[in-house]
Amino acid sequence: MTDLERKIYRIIYNMSRFRKNPTIEELKIKTGKDETSIRKAVKNLISRKELEWDKEKKEWRFYV
């Protein structure tokens, strides 16, 4: 897991504990990265089964 992936994972995990899903804009502010980098990191986390989006509940699932 890269530093950016780890940072995004922690942000999503911590925010989702309070039933709030971070937006791309919030992730851009908190990481200091551009949208393309953030989307790529989230896709990598999903492809490695470390994160999963539950469409029915509209929340993240964590596996690490």
N, C-alpha and C. Protein backbone atom coordinates (compact mmCIF):
# COMPACT_ATOMS: atom_id res chain seq x y z
N MET A 1 0.85 -1.17 0.00
CA MET A 1 0.00 0.00 0.00
C MET A 1 0.90 1.24 0.00
N THR A 2 0.67 2.14 -0.92
CA THR A 2 1.47 3.37 -0.99
C THR A 2 1.06 4.33 0.12
N ASP A 3 1.85 5.35 0.33
CA ASP A 3 1.54 6.35 1.35
C ASP A 3 0.20 7.02 1.08
N LEU A 4 -0.06 7.36 -0.19
CA LEU A 4 -1.32 8.01 -0.54
C LEU A 4 -2.50 7.07 -0.30
N GLU A 5 -2.35 5.82 -0.69
CA GLU A 5 -3.42 4.84 -0.47
C GLU A 5 -3.70 4.67 1.03
N ARG A 6 -2.64 4.60 1.81
CA ARG A 6 -2.80 4.45 3.26
C ARG A 6 -3.50 5.68 3.85
N LYS A 7 -3.12 6.85 3.38
CA LYS A 7 -3.73 8.09 3.87
C LYS A 7 -5.22 8.15 3.51
N ILE A 8 -5.53 7.83 2.27
CA ILE A 8 -6.93 7.84 1.83
C ILE A 8 -7.74 6.80 2.59
N TYR A 9 -7.17 5.62 2.77
CA TYR A 9 -7.85 4.57 3.52
C TYR A 9 -8.19 5.06 4.93
N ARG A 10 -7.23 5.67 5.61
CA ARG A 10 -7.46 6.16 6.97
C ARG A 10 -8.50 7.27 7.00
N ILE A 11 -8.46 8.16 6.03
CA ILE A 11 -9.45 9.25 5.97
C ILE A 11 -10.85 8.67 5.78
N ILE A 12 -11.01 7.77 4.83
CA ILE A 12 -12.32 7.16 4.58
C ILE A 12 -12.77 6.38 5.80
N TYR A 13 -11.88 5.62 6.39
CA TYR A 13 -12.22 4.83 7.58
C TYR A 13 -12.68 5.73 8.72
N ASN A 14 -11.90 6.75 9.03
CA ASN A 14 -12.23 7.62 10.16
C ASN A 14 -13.51 8.41 9.92
N MET A 15 -13.71 8.91 8.71
CA MET A 15 -14.92 9.68 8.43
C MET A 15 -16.15 8.78 8.41
N SER A 16 -16.02 7.56 7.92
CA SER A 16 -17.17 6.67 7.83
C SER A 16 -17.60 6.16 9.21
N ARG A 17 -16.72 6.21 10.18
CA ARG A 17 -17.10 5.85 11.55
C ARG A 17 -18.19 6.77 12.06
N PHE A 18 -18.25 7.99 11.53
CA PHE A 18 -19.27 8.96 11.93
C PHE A 18 -20.35 9.09 10.87
N ARG A 19 -20.49 8.04 10.04
CA ARG A 19 -21.52 7.96 9.00
C ARG A 19 -21.43 9.10 7.99
N LYS A 20 -20.20 9.49 7.65
CA LYS A 20 -20.01 10.52 6.64
C LYS A 20 -19.01 10.00 5.62
N ASN A 21 -19.42 10.00 4.37
CA ASN A 21 -18.52 9.58 3.30
C ASN A 21 -17.82 10.81 2.74
N PRO A 22 -16.49 10.81 2.70
CA PRO A 22 -15.78 11.99 2.20
C PRO A 22 -16.00 12.18 0.70
N THR A 23 -16.10 13.42 0.30
CA THR A 23 -16.23 13.74 -1.12
C THR A 23 -14.83 13.83 -1.73
N ILE A 24 -14.80 13.88 -3.04
CA ILE A 24 -13.51 14.06 -3.72
C ILE A 24 -12.87 15.37 -3.29
N GLU A 25 -13.67 16.41 -3.14
CA GLU A 25 -13.12 17.71 -2.72
C GLU A 25 -12.50 17.63 -1.33
N GLU A 26 -13.15 16.93 -0.41
CA GLU A 26 -12.59 16.77 0.93
C GLU A 26 -11.29 15.97 0.88
N LEU A 27 -11.25 14.94 0.06
CA LEU A 27 -10.02 14.15 -0.07
C LEU A 27 -8.91 14.98 -0.70
N LYS A 28 -9.25 15.84 -1.65
CA LYS A 28 -8.24 16.71 -2.27
C LYS A 28 -7.64 17.65 -1.22
N ILE A 29 -8.48 18.20 -0.37
CA ILE A 29 -8.01 19.12 0.67
C ILE A 29 -7.14 18.38 1.69
N LYS A 30 -7.61 17.22 2.14
CA LYS A 30 -6.91 16.49 3.20
C LYS A 30 -5.61 15.85 2.74
N THR A 31 -5.53 15.46 1.45
CA THR A 31 -4.32 14.81 0.96
C THR A 31 -3.38 15.76 0.22
N GLY A 32 -3.93 16.83 -0.33
CA GLY A 32 -3.12 17.75 -1.11
C GLY A 32 -2.82 17.23 -2.51
N LYS A 33 -3.56 16.21 -2.94
CA LYS A 33 -3.35 15.60 -4.26
C LYS A 33 -4.48 15.98 -5.20
N ASP A 34 -4.27 15.71 -6.49
CA ASP A 34 -5.30 16.01 -7.48
C ASP A 34 -6.30 14.86 -7.60
N GLU A 35 -7.41 15.13 -8.28
CA GLU A 35 -8.50 14.15 -8.38
C GLU A 35 -8.07 12.86 -9.06
N THR A 36 -7.24 12.96 -10.08
CA THR A 36 -6.79 11.78 -10.81
C THR A 36 -6.01 10.84 -9.89
N SER A 37 -5.12 11.39 -9.09
CA SER A 37 -4.32 10.57 -8.16
C SER A 37 -5.20 9.91 -7.12
N ILE A 38 -6.18 10.65 -6.62
CA ILE A 38 -7.08 10.12 -5.60
C ILE A 38 -7.92 8.98 -6.18
N ARG A 39 -8.48 9.19 -7.36
CA ARG A 39 -9.30 8.15 -7.99
C ARG A 39 -8.48 6.88 -8.26
N LYS A 40 -7.25 7.07 -8.71
CA LYS A 40 -6.38 5.93 -8.98
C LYS A 40 -6.08 5.16 -7.70
N ALA A 41 -5.80 5.87 -6.61
CA ALA A 41 -5.51 5.23 -5.34
C ALA A 41 -6.72 4.47 -4.81
N VAL A 42 -7.92 5.05 -4.92
CA VAL A 42 -9.13 4.37 -4.46
C VAL A 42 -9.40 3.14 -5.30
N LYS A 43 -9.20 3.24 -6.62
CA LYS A 43 -9.39 2.07 -7.49
C LYS A 43 -8.41 0.96 -7.13
N ASN A 44 -7.18 1.32 -6.80
CA ASN A 44 -6.19 0.32 -6.38
C ASN A 44 -6.63 -0.36 -5.08
N LEU A 45 -7.13 0.41 -4.14
CA LEU A 45 -7.61 -0.17 -2.88
C LEU A 45 -8.78 -1.12 -3.13
N ILE A 46 -9.68 -0.74 -4.01
CA ILE A 46 -10.83 -1.59 -4.32
C ILE A 46 -10.38 -2.85 -5.05
N SER A 47 -9.46 -2.71 -6.00
CA SER A 47 -9.01 -3.88 -6.78
C SER A 47 -8.26 -4.89 -5.92
N ARG A 48 -7.60 -4.42 -4.86
CA ARG A 48 -6.89 -5.32 -3.95
C ARG A 48 -7.78 -5.80 -2.81
N LYS A 49 -9.07 -5.49 -2.90
CA LYS A 49 -10.07 -5.94 -1.90
C LYS A 49 -9.78 -5.40 -0.51
N GLU A 50 -9.22 -4.21 -0.41
CA GLU A 50 -9.01 -3.58 0.89
C GLU A 50 -10.17 -2.67 1.24
N LEU A 51 -10.88 -2.20 0.21
CA LEU A 51 -12.07 -1.37 0.36
C LEU A 51 -13.15 -1.92 -0.56
N GLU A 52 -14.39 -1.73 -0.16
CA GLU A 52 -15.51 -2.11 -1.03
C GLU A 52 -16.65 -1.14 -0.78
N TRP A 53 -17.32 -0.71 -1.84
CA TRP A 53 -18.46 0.19 -1.72
C TRP A 53 -19.74 -0.65 -1.72
N ASP A 54 -20.54 -0.51 -0.66
CA ASP A 54 -21.81 -1.20 -0.56
C ASP A 54 -22.88 -0.29 -1.16
N LYS A 55 -23.38 -0.64 -2.35
CA LYS A 55 -24.32 0.21 -3.06
C LYS A 55 -25.66 0.34 -2.34
N GLU A 56 -26.10 -0.74 -1.69
CA GLU A 56 -27.39 -0.71 -1.01
C GLU A 56 -27.37 0.20 0.22
N LYS A 57 -26.35 0.04 1.04
CA LYS A 57 -26.25 0.84 2.27
C LYS A 57 -25.57 2.19 2.04
N LYS A 58 -24.94 2.34 0.88
CA LYS A 58 -24.19 3.55 0.54
C LYS A 58 -23.13 3.86 1.58
N GLU A 59 -22.31 2.85 1.84
CA GLU A 59 -21.22 3.01 2.78
C GLU A 59 -20.05 2.13 2.38
N TRP A 60 -18.88 2.41 2.95
CA TRP A 60 -17.67 1.65 2.68
C TRP A 60 -17.58 0.45 3.59
N ARG A 61 -16.98 -0.63 3.08
CA ARG A 61 -16.62 -1.81 3.87
C ARG A 61 -15.11 -1.91 3.86
N PHE A 62 -14.54 -2.30 4.99
CA PHE A 62 -13.09 -2.37 5.14
C PHE A 62 -12.66 -3.80 5.42
N TYR A 63 -11.55 -4.20 4.79
CA TYR A 63 -11.08 -5.57 4.93
C TYR A 63 -9.67 -5.69 5.46
N VAL A 64 -9.01 -4.59 5.77
CA VAL A 64 -7.64 -4.67 6.27
C VAL A 64 -7.61 -4.44 7.75
